[in-house]
Amino acid sequence: MDVLVAYDIDTTTRSGQRRLARVAKICEGYGIRVQYSLFECRLTEADLARLKIELEDVLDTDVDHVRFYRFAGDVADSRQTLGTSSVSELEDLWVW
């Protein structure tokens, strides 16, 4: 399944800045960064569950949040882009 992962991490503190770096690193292991805090991911149900667990371990849920948007089909069928885009396309499942 294709999933869009968006996050907003409070970076007003040093610990928030560290959380942001950790969240980004986790997401990089599951998908392609298309904006600073936005990733397109092709995941199995198990991958999505594992991603959520990894992120929950890092987040401060009082000030941070992550959203997951599932696509019924391929994310490329729903995507429209204006301006430049240097982002690669999602291919076959590449999380293992």
PDB file of N, CA and C in Angstrom:
ATOM      1  N   MET A   1       0.841  -1.170   0.000  1.00  0.00           N
ATOM      2  CA  MET A   1       0.000   0.000   0.000  1.00  0.00           C
ATOM      3  C   MET A   1       0.887   1.234   0.000  1.00  0.00           C
ATOM      4  N   ASP A   2       0.415   2.303  -0.619  1.00  0.00           N
ATOM      5  CA  ASP A   2       1.144   3.558  -0.608  1.00  0.00           C
ATOM      6  C   ASP A   2       0.624   4.417   0.540  1.00  0.00           C
ATOM      7  N   VAL A   3       1.555   5.011   1.268  1.00  0.00           N
ATOM      8  CA  VAL A   3       1.225   5.808   2.446  1.00  0.00           C
ATOM      9  C   VAL A   3       2.015   7.102   2.378  1.00  0.00           C
ATOM     10  N   LEU A   4       1.353   8.200   2.688  1.00  0.00           N
ATOM     11  CA  LEU A   4       2.013   9.485   2.836  1.00  0.00           C
ATOM     12  C   LEU A   4       2.180   9.729   4.331  1.00  0.00           C
ATOM     13  N   VAL A   5       3.402   9.999   4.765  1.00  0.00           N
ATOM     14  CA  VAL A   5       3.694  10.243   6.182  1.00  0.00           C
ATOM     15  C   VAL A   5       4.106  11.703   6.319  1.00  0.00           C
ATOM     16  N   ALA A   6       3.379  12.437   7.158  1.00  0.00           N
ATOM     17  CA  ALA A   6       3.671  13.846   7.411  1.00  0.00           C
ATOM     18  C   ALA A   6       3.861  14.026   8.907  1.00  0.00           C
ATOM     19  N   TYR A   7       4.843  14.825   9.275  1.00  0.00           N
ATOM     20  CA  TYR A   7       5.067  15.042  10.703  1.00  0.00           C
ATOM     21  C   TYR A   7       5.376  16.488  11.012  1.00  0.00           C
ATOM     22  N   ASP A   8       5.072  16.858  12.258  1.00  0.00           N
ATOM     23  CA  ASP A   8       5.373  18.175  12.790  1.00  0.00           C
ATOM     24  C   ASP A   8       5.966  17.948  14.177  1.00  0.00           C
ATOM     25  N   ILE A   9       7.236  18.243  14.316  1.00  0.00           N
ATOM     26  CA  ILE A   9       7.952  18.015  15.566  1.00  0.00           C
ATOM     27  C   ILE A   9       8.316  19.370  16.159  1.00  0.00           C
ATOM     28  N   ASP A  10       8.025  19.562  17.443  1.00  0.00           N
ATOM     29  CA  ASP A  10       8.364  20.806  18.129  1.00  0.00           C
ATOM     30  C   ASP A  10       9.880  20.893  18.295  1.00  0.00           C
ATOM     31  N   THR A  11      10.485  21.872  17.648  1.00  0.00           N
ATOM     32  CA  THR A  11      11.947  22.001  17.684  1.00  0.00           C
ATOM     33  C   THR A  11      12.404  23.214  18.488  1.00  0.00           C
ATOM     34  N   THR A  12      11.579  23.668  19.414  1.00  0.00           N
ATOM     35  CA  THR A  12      11.951  24.830  20.224  1.00  0.00           C
ATOM     36  C   THR A  12      12.955  24.479  21.314  1.00  0.00           C
ATOM     37  N   THR A  13      13.194  23.191  21.502  1.00  0.00           N
ATOM     38  CA  THR A  13      14.181  22.752  22.498  1.00  0.00           C
ATOM     39  C   THR A  13      15.214  21.873  21.818  1.00  0.00           C
ATOM     40  N   ARG A  14      16.336  21.672  22.500  1.00  0.00           N
ATOM     41  CA  ARG A  14      17.368  20.773  21.964  1.00  0.00           C
ATOM     42  C   ARG A  14      16.842  19.350  21.806  1.00  0.00           C
ATOM     43  N   SER A  15      16.051  18.919  22.788  1.00  0.00           N
ATOM     44  CA  SER A  15      15.510  17.560  22.693  1.00  0.00           C
ATOM     45  C   SER A  15      14.547  17.452  21.509  1.00  0.00           C
ATOM     46  N   GLY A  16      13.812  18.507  21.210  1.00  0.00           N
ATOM     47  CA  GLY A  16      12.928  18.507  20.049  1.00  0.00           C
ATOM     48  C   GLY A  16      13.712  18.434  18.754  1.00  0.00           C
ATOM     49  N   GLN A  17      14.830  19.126  18.702  1.00  0.00           N
ATOM     50  CA  GLN A  17      15.678  19.075  17.510  1.00  0.00           C
ATOM     51  C   GLN A  17      16.239  17.671  17.311  1.00  0.00           C
ATOM     52  N   ARG A  18      16.584  17.008  18.403  1.00  0.00           N
ATOM     53  CA  ARG A  18      17.069  15.625  18.309  1.00  0.00           C
ATOM     54  C   ARG A  18      15.941  14.690  17.866  1.00  0.00           C
ATOM     55  N   ARG A  19      14.736  14.912  18.394  1.00  0.00           N
ATOM     56  CA  ARG A  19      13.595  14.086  17.981  1.00  0.00           C
ATOM     57  C   ARG A  19      13.334  14.245  16.495  1.00  0.00           C
ATOM     58  N   LEU A  20      13.405  15.482  15.997  1.00  0.00           N
ATOM     59  CA  LEU A  20      13.184  15.732  14.578  1.00  0.00           C
ATOM     60  C   LEU A  20      14.174  14.935  13.733  1.00  0.00           C
ATOM     61  N   ALA A  21      15.434  14.962  14.114  1.00  0.00           N
ATOM     62  CA  ALA A  21      16.451  14.215  13.364  1.00  0.00           C
ATOM     63  C   ALA A  21      16.177  12.721  13.407  1.00  0.00           C
ATOM     64  N   ARG A  22      15.749  12.219  14.558  1.00  0.00           N
ATOM     65  CA  ARG A  22      15.467  10.791  14.690  1.00  0.00           C
ATOM     66  C   ARG A  22      14.236  10.391  13.881  1.00  0.00           C
ATOM     67  N   VAL A  23      13.193  11.215  13.910  1.00  0.00           N
ATOM     68  CA  VAL A  23      11.979  10.928  13.140  1.00  0.00           C
ATOM     69  C   VAL A  23      12.310  10.906  11.647  1.00  0.00           C
ATOM     70  N   ALA A  24      13.072  11.890  11.192  1.00  0.00           N
ATOM     71  CA  ALA A  24      13.453  11.931   9.773  1.00  0.00           C
ATOM     72  C   ALA A  24      14.247  10.689   9.397  1.00  0.00           C
ATOM     73  N   LYS A  25      15.184  10.289  10.239  1.00  0.00           N
ATOM     74  CA  LYS A  25      16.015   9.111   9.955  1.00  0.00           C
ATOM     75  C   LYS A  25      15.152   7.851   9.871  1.00  0.00           C
ATOM     76  N   ILE A  26      14.203   7.720  10.771  1.00  0.00           N
ATOM     77  CA  ILE A  26      13.301   6.561  10.737  1.00  0.00           C
ATOM     78  C   ILE A  26      12.514   6.554   9.427  1.00  0.00           C
ATOM     79  N   CYS A  27      11.932   7.686   9.070  1.00  0.00           N
ATOM     80  CA  CYS A  27      11.123   7.763   7.854  1.00  0.00           C
ATOM     81  C   CYS A  27      11.953   7.506   6.604  1.00  0.00           C
ATOM     82  N   GLU A  28      13.210   7.934   6.608  1.00  0.00           N
ATOM     83  CA  GLU A  28      14.084   7.685   5.464  1.00  0.00           C
ATOM     84  C   GLU A  28      14.280   6.192   5.222  1.00  0.00           C
ATOM     85  N   GLY A  29      14.140   5.392   6.269  1.00  0.00           N
ATOM     86  CA  GLY A  29      14.264   3.953   6.128  1.00  0.00           C
ATOM     87  C   GLY A  29      13.036   3.290   5.530  1.00  0.00           C
ATOM     88  N   TYR A  30      11.950   4.053   5.389  1.00  0.00           N
ATOM     89  CA  TYR A  30      10.703   3.481   4.904  1.00  0.00           C
ATOM     90  C   TYR A  30      10.194   4.102   3.611  1.00  0.00           C
ATOM     91  N   GLY A  31      10.705   5.269   3.232  1.00  0.00           N
ATOM     92  CA  GLY A  31      10.140   5.918   2.061  1.00  0.00           C
ATOM     93  C   GLY A  31      11.063   6.959   1.462  1.00  0.00           C
ATOM     94  N   ILE A  32      10.479   7.735   0.573  1.00  0.00           N
ATOM     95  CA  ILE A  32      11.200   8.767  -0.158  1.00  0.00           C
ATOM     96  C   ILE A  32      10.747  10.126   0.356  1.00  0.00           C
ATOM     97  N   ARG A  33      11.718  10.962   0.747  1.00  0.00           N
ATOM     98  CA  ARG A  33      11.386  12.307   1.210  1.00  0.00           C
ATOM     99  C   ARG A  33      10.969  13.147   0.002  1.00  0.00           C
ATOM    100  N   VAL A  34       9.755  13.728   0.080  1.00  0.00           N
ATOM    101  CA  VAL A  34       9.265  14.566  -1.006  1.00  0.00           C
ATOM    102  C   VAL A  34       9.169  16.029  -0.585  1.00  0.00           C
ATOM    103  N   GLN A  35       9.178  16.287   0.691  1.00  0.00           N
ATOM    104  CA  GLN A  35       9.249  17.626   1.273  1.00  0.00           C
ATOM    105  C   GLN A  35      10.008  17.442   2.584  1.00  0.00           C
ATOM    106  N   TYR A  36      10.319  18.539   3.275  1.00  0.00           N
ATOM    107  CA  TYR A  36      11.114  18.409   4.491  1.00  0.00           C
ATOM    108  C   TYR A  36      10.513  17.421   5.494  1.00  0.00           C
ATOM    109  N   SER A  37       9.228  17.476   5.701  1.00  0.00           N
ATOM    110  CA  SER A  37       8.586  16.613   6.701  1.00  0.00           C
ATOM    111  C   SER A  37       7.498  15.748   6.080  1.00  0.00           C
ATOM    112  N   LEU A  38       7.733  15.302   4.856  1.00  0.00           N
ATOM    113  CA  LEU A  38       6.738  14.542   4.128  1.00  0.00           C
ATOM    114  C   LEU A  38       7.409  13.420   3.342  1.00  0.00           C
ATOM    115  N   PHE A  39       6.926  12.202   3.542  1.00  0.00           N
ATOM    116  CA  PHE A  39       7.510  11.031   2.894  1.00  0.00           C
ATOM    117  C   PHE A  39       6.429  10.239   2.178  1.00  0.00           C
ATOM    118  N   GLU A  40       6.753   9.779   0.962  1.00  0.00           N
ATOM    119  CA  GLU A  40       5.915   8.819   0.254  1.00  0.00           C
ATOM    120  C   GLU A  40       6.516   7.447   0.506  1.00  0.00           C
ATOM    121  N   CYS A  41       5.682   6.518   0.967  1.00  0.00           N
ATOM    122  CA  CYS A  41       6.175   5.187   1.338  1.00  0.00           C
ATOM    123  C   CYS A  41       5.324   4.110   0.682  1.00  0.00           C
ATOM    124  N   ARG A  42       5.952   3.036   0.288  1.00  0.00           N
ATOM    125  CA  ARG A  42       5.254   1.847  -0.187  1.00  0.00           C
ATOM    126  C   ARG A  42       5.515   0.776   0.866  1.00  0.00           C
ATOM    127  N   LEU A  43       4.458   0.392   1.601  1.00  0.00           N
ATOM    128  CA  LEU A  43       4.615  -0.448   2.786  1.00  0.00           C
ATOM    129  C   LEU A  43       3.649  -1.617   2.783  1.00  0.00           C
ATOM    130  N   THR A  44       4.045  -2.665   3.472  1.00  0.00           N
ATOM    131  CA  THR A  44       3.109  -3.731   3.811  1.00  0.00           C
ATOM    132  C   THR A  44       2.430  -3.319   5.116  1.00  0.00           C
ATOM    133  N   GLU A  45       1.391  -4.035   5.502  1.00  0.00           N
ATOM    134  CA  GLU A  45       0.734  -3.755   6.794  1.00  0.00           C
ATOM    135  C   GLU A  45       1.740  -3.898   7.941  1.00  0.00           C
ATOM    136  N   ALA A  46       2.596  -4.918   7.852  1.00  0.00           N
ATOM    137  CA  ALA A  46       3.602  -5.144   8.898  1.00  0.00           C
ATOM    138  C   ALA A  46       4.610  -3.995   8.947  1.00  0.00           C
ATOM    139  N   ASP A  47       5.030  -3.494   7.778  1.00  0.00           N
ATOM    140  CA  ASP A  47       5.953  -2.362   7.725  1.00  0.00           C
ATOM    141  C   ASP A  47       5.329  -1.129   8.370  1.00  0.00           C
ATOM    142  N   LEU A  48       4.065  -0.869   8.056  1.00  0.00           N
ATOM    143  CA  LEU A  48       3.379   0.289   8.616  1.00  0.00           C
ATOM    144  C   LEU A  48       3.285   0.170  10.130  1.00  0.00           C
ATOM    145  N   ALA A  49       2.953  -1.002  10.615  1.00  0.00           N
ATOM    146  CA  ALA A  49       2.872  -1.211  12.062  1.00  0.00           C
ATOM    147  C   ALA A  49       4.237  -0.982  12.714  1.00  0.00           C
ATOM    148  N   ARG A  50       5.299  -1.481  12.091  1.00  0.00           N
ATOM    149  CA  ARG A  50       6.653  -1.309  12.628  1.00  0.00           C
ATOM    150  C   ARG A  50       7.062   0.167  12.609  1.00  0.00           C
ATOM    151  N   LEU A  51       6.732   0.875  11.534  1.00  0.00           N
ATOM    152  CA  LEU A  51       7.030   2.301  11.437  1.00  0.00           C
ATOM    153  C   LEU A  51       6.349   3.070  12.563  1.00  0.00           C
ATOM    154  N   LYS A  52       5.085   2.773  12.804  1.00  0.00           N
ATOM    155  CA  LYS A  52       4.351   3.467  13.866  1.00  0.00           C
ATOM    156  C   LYS A  52       4.983   3.212  15.230  1.00  0.00           C
ATOM    157  N   ILE A  53       5.389   1.983  15.491  1.00  0.00           N
ATOM    158  CA  ILE A  53       6.024   1.655  16.774  1.00  0.00           C
ATOM    159  C   ILE A  53       7.334   2.410  16.926  1.00  0.00           C
ATOM    160  N   GLU A  54       8.145   2.432  15.868  1.00  0.00           N
ATOM    161  CA  GLU A  54       9.427   3.139  15.925  1.00  0.00           C
ATOM    162  C   GLU A  54       9.214   4.626  16.197  1.00  0.00           C
ATOM    163  N   LEU A  55       8.226   5.213  15.541  1.00  0.00           N
ATOM    164  CA  LEU A  55       7.965   6.636  15.743  1.00  0.00           C
ATOM    165  C   LEU A  55       7.408   6.926  17.134  1.00  0.00           C
ATOM    166  N   GLU A  56       6.526   6.058  17.628  1.00  0.00           N
ATOM    167  CA  GLU A  56       5.966   6.254  18.971  1.00  0.00           C
ATOM    168  C   GLU A  56       7.051   6.274  20.037  1.00  0.00           C
ATOM    169  N   ASP A  57       8.110   5.502  19.816  1.00  0.00           N
ATOM    170  CA  ASP A  57       9.213   5.449  20.777  1.00  0.00           C
ATOM    171  C   ASP A  57      10.002   6.757  20.824  1.00  0.00           C
ATOM    172  N   VAL A  58       9.897   7.573  19.783  1.00  0.00           N
ATOM    173  CA  VAL A  58      10.679   8.806  19.674  1.00  0.00           C
ATOM    174  C   VAL A  58       9.850  10.044  20.023  1.00  0.00           C
ATOM    175  N   LEU A  59       8.591  10.061  19.645  1.00  0.00           N
ATOM    176  CA  LEU A  59       7.753  11.251  19.758  1.00  0.00           C
ATOM    177  C   LEU A  59       7.480  11.672  21.190  1.00  0.00           C
ATOM    178  N   ASP A  60       7.333  12.972  21.364  1.00  0.00           N
ATOM    179  CA  ASP A  60       6.750  13.538  22.583  1.00  0.00           C
ATOM    180  C   ASP A  60       5.324  13.890  22.179  1.00  0.00           C
ATOM    181  N   THR A  61       4.381  13.024  22.525  1.00  0.00           N
ATOM    182  CA  THR A  61       3.011  13.171  22.021  1.00  0.00           C
ATOM    183  C   THR A  61       2.283  14.386  22.581  1.00  0.00           C
ATOM    184  N   ASP A  62       2.894  15.085  23.548  1.00  0.00           N
ATOM    185  CA  ASP A  62       2.297  16.314  24.044  1.00  0.00           C
ATOM    186  C   ASP A  62       2.529  17.487  23.086  1.00  0.00           C
ATOM    187  N   VAL A  63       3.582  17.399  22.248  1.00  0.00           N
ATOM    188  CA  VAL A  63       3.923  18.526  21.372  1.00  0.00           C
ATOM    189  C   VAL A  63       4.183  18.129  19.920  1.00  0.00           C
ATOM    190  N   ASP A  64       4.345  16.859  19.625  1.00  0.00           N
ATOM    191  CA  ASP A  64       4.647  16.378  18.275  1.00  0.00           C
ATOM    192  C   ASP A  64       3.446  15.624  17.723  1.00  0.00           C
ATOM    193  N   HIS A  65       3.384  15.528  16.396  1.00  0.00           N
ATOM    194  CA  HIS A  65       2.388  14.627  15.810  1.00  0.00           C
ATOM    195  C   HIS A  65       2.827  14.153  14.430  1.00  0.00           C
ATOM    196  N   VAL A  66       2.311  12.977  14.086  1.00  0.00           N
ATOM    197  CA  VAL A  66       2.572  12.356  12.791  1.00  0.00           C
ATOM    198  C   VAL A  66       1.227  11.947  12.215  1.00  0.00           C
ATOM    199  N   ARG A  67       1.070  12.143  10.898  1.00  0.00           N
ATOM    200  CA  ARG A  67      -0.150  11.722  10.213  1.00  0.00           C
ATOM    201  C   ARG A  67       0.214  10.734   9.117  1.00  0.00           C
ATOM    202  N   PHE A  68      -0.648   9.747   8.943  1.00  0.00           N
ATOM    203  CA  PHE A  68      -0.476   8.724   7.916  1.00  0.00           C
ATOM    204  C   PHE A  68      -1.689   8.784   6.995  1.00  0.00           C
ATOM    205  N   TYR A  69      -1.450   8.927   5.712  1.00  0.00           N
ATOM    206  CA  TYR A  69      -2.517   8.954   4.717  1.00  0.00           C
ATOM    207  C   TYR A  69      -2.319   7.759   3.799  1.00  0.00           C
ATOM    208  N   ARG A  70      -3.290   6.854   3.790  1.00  0.00           N
ATOM    209  CA  ARG A  70      -3.235   5.669   2.934  1.00  0.00           C
ATOM    210  C   ARG A  70      -3.910   5.970   1.602  1.00  0.00           C
ATOM    211  N   PHE A  71      -3.342   5.427   0.547  1.00  0.00           N
ATOM    212  CA  PHE A  71      -3.913   5.584  -0.783  1.00  0.00           C
ATOM    213  C   PHE A  71      -4.488   4.247  -1.226  1.00  0.00           C
ATOM    214  N   ALA A  72      -5.697   4.289  -1.768  1.00  0.00           N
ATOM    215  CA  ALA A  72      -6.342   3.061  -2.220  1.00  0.00           C
ATOM    216  C   ALA A  72      -5.546   2.427  -3.357  1.00  0.00           C
ATOM    217  N   GLY A  73      -4.943   3.256  -4.186  1.00  0.00           N
ATOM    218  CA  GLY A  73      -4.135   2.761  -5.294  1.00  0.00           C
ATOM    219  C   GLY A  73      -2.716   3.276  -5.163  1.00  0.00           C
ATOM    220  N   ASP A  74      -2.105   3.486  -6.279  1.00  0.00           N
ATOM    221  CA  ASP A  74      -0.747   3.996  -6.339  1.00  0.00           C
ATOM    222  C   ASP A  74      -0.752   5.493  -6.051  1.00  0.00           C
ATOM    223  N   VAL A  75       0.162   5.956  -5.204  1.00  0.00           N
ATOM    224  CA  VAL A  75       0.230   7.372  -4.855  1.00  0.00           C
ATOM    225  C   VAL A  75       0.439   8.240  -6.099  1.00  0.00           C
ATOM    226  N   ALA A  76       1.120   7.721  -7.102  1.00  0.00           N
ATOM    227  CA  ALA A  76       1.365   8.487  -8.329  1.00  0.00           C
ATOM    228  C   ALA A  76       0.062   8.845  -9.037  1.00  0.00           C
ATOM    229  N   ASP A  77      -0.962   8.022  -8.870  1.00  0.00           N
ATOM    230  CA  ASP A  77      -2.253   8.307  -9.486  1.00  0.00           C
ATOM    231  C   ASP A  77      -2.953   9.492  -8.822  1.00  0.00           C
ATOM    232  N   SER A  78      -2.574   9.809  -7.586  1.00  0.00           N
ATOM    233  CA  SER A  78      -3.191  10.899  -6.837  1.00  0.00           C
ATOM    234  C   SER A  78      -2.332  12.154  -6.802  1.00  0.00           C
ATOM    235  N   ARG A  79      -1.077  12.051  -7.172  1.00  0.00           N
ATOM    236  CA  ARG A  79      -0.127  13.151  -7.042  1.00  0.00           C
ATOM    237  C   ARG A  79      -0.194  14.113  -8.214  1.00  0.00           C
ATOM    238  N   GLN A  80      -0.185  15.381  -7.897  1.00  0.00           N
ATOM    239  CA  GLN A  80      -0.010  16.442  -8.886  1.00  0.00           C
ATOM    240  C   GLN A  80       1.097  17.336  -8.362  1.00  0.00           C
ATOM    241  N   THR A  81       1.997  17.771  -9.224  1.00  0.00           N
ATOM    242  CA  THR A  81       3.141  18.566  -8.800  1.00  0.00           C
ATOM    243  C   THR A  81       3.207  19.852  -9.608  1.00  0.00           C
ATOM    244  N   LEU A  82       3.468  20.949  -8.927  1.00  0.00           N
ATOM    245  CA  LEU A  82       3.749  22.228  -9.571  1.00  0.00           C
ATOM    246  C   LEU A  82       5.180  22.595  -9.237  1.00  0.00           C
ATOM    247  N   GLY A  83       5.928  23.094 -10.171  1.00  0.00           N
ATOM    248  CA  GLY A  83       7.305  23.477  -9.899  1.00  0.00           C
ATOM    249  C   GLY A  83       8.246  22.305 -10.078  1.00  0.00           C
ATOM    250  N   THR A  84       9.457  22.495  -9.620  1.00  0.00           N
ATOM    251  CA  THR A  84      10.487  21.480  -9.801  1.00  0.00           C
ATOM    252  C   THR A  84      10.279  20.321  -8.851  1.00  0.00           C
ATOM    253  N   SER A  85      10.722  19.181  -9.278  1.00  0.00           N
ATOM    254  CA  SER A  85      10.646  17.984  -8.440  1.00  0.00           C
ATOM    255  C   SER A  85      11.847  17.110  -8.741  1.00  0.00           C
ATOM    256  N   SER A  86      12.663  16.897  -7.743  1.00  0.00           N
ATOM    257  CA  SER A  86      13.829  16.030  -7.923  1.00  0.00           C
ATOM    258  C   SER A  86      13.630  14.713  -7.186  1.00  0.00           C
ATOM    259  N   VAL A  87      12.385  14.388  -6.898  1.00  0.00           N
ATOM    260  CA  VAL A  87      12.063  13.204  -6.121  1.00  0.00           C
ATOM    261  C   VAL A  87      11.946  11.991  -7.026  1.00  0.00           C
ATOM    262  N   SER A  88      12.508  10.886  -6.590  1.00  0.00           N
ATOM    263  CA  SER A  88      12.380   9.625  -7.312  1.00  0.00           C
ATOM    264  C   SER A  88      10.965   9.091  -7.172  1.00  0.00           C
ATOM    265  N   GLU A  89      10.589   8.253  -8.079  1.00  0.00           N
ATOM    266  CA  GLU A  89       9.288   7.600  -8.008  1.00  0.00           C
ATOM    267  C   GLU A  89       9.384   6.359  -7.132  1.00  0.00           C
ATOM    268  N   LEU A  90       8.290   6.038  -6.453  1.00  0.00           N
ATOM    269  CA  LEU A  90       8.222   4.787  -5.714  1.00  0.00           C
ATOM    270  C   LEU A  90       8.216   3.643  -6.702  1.00  0.00           C
ATOM    271  N   GLU A  91       8.956   2.627  -6.417  1.00  0.00           N
ATOM    272  CA  GLU A  91       8.969   1.452  -7.278  1.00  0.00           C
ATOM    273  C   GLU A  91       8.395   0.288  -6.489  1.00  0.00           C
ATOM    274  N   ASP A  92       8.877  -0.914  -6.761  1.00  0.00           N
ATOM    275  CA  ASP A  92       8.419  -2.061  -6.008  1.00  0.00           C
ATOM    276  C   ASP A  92       8.758  -1.884  -4.529  1.00  0.00           C
ATOM    277  N   LEU A  93       8.153  -2.727  -3.696  1.00  0.00           N
ATOM    278  CA  LEU A  93       8.461  -2.663  -2.263  1.00  0.00           C
ATOM    279  C   LEU A  93       9.951  -2.718  -2.042  1.00  0.00           C
ATOM    280  N   TRP A  94      10.467  -1.778  -1.286  1.00  0.00           N
ATOM    281  CA  TRP A  94      11.909  -1.764  -1.066  1.00  0.00           C
ATOM    282  C   TRP A  94      12.240  -1.679   0.402  1.00  0.00           C
ATOM    283  N   VAL A  95      11.264  -1.874   1.282  1.00  0.00           N
ATOM    284  CA  VAL A  95      11.532  -1.996   2.711  1.00  0.00           C
ATOM    285  C   VAL A  95      11.628  -3.482   3.007  1.00  0.00           C
ATOM    286  N   TRP A  96      12.677  -3.905   3.635  1.00  0.00           N
ATOM    287  CA  TRP A  96      12.822  -5.318   3.946  1.00  0.00           C
ATOM    288  C   TRP A  96      13.382  -5.510   5.317  1.00  0.00           C
TER     289      TRP A  96
END
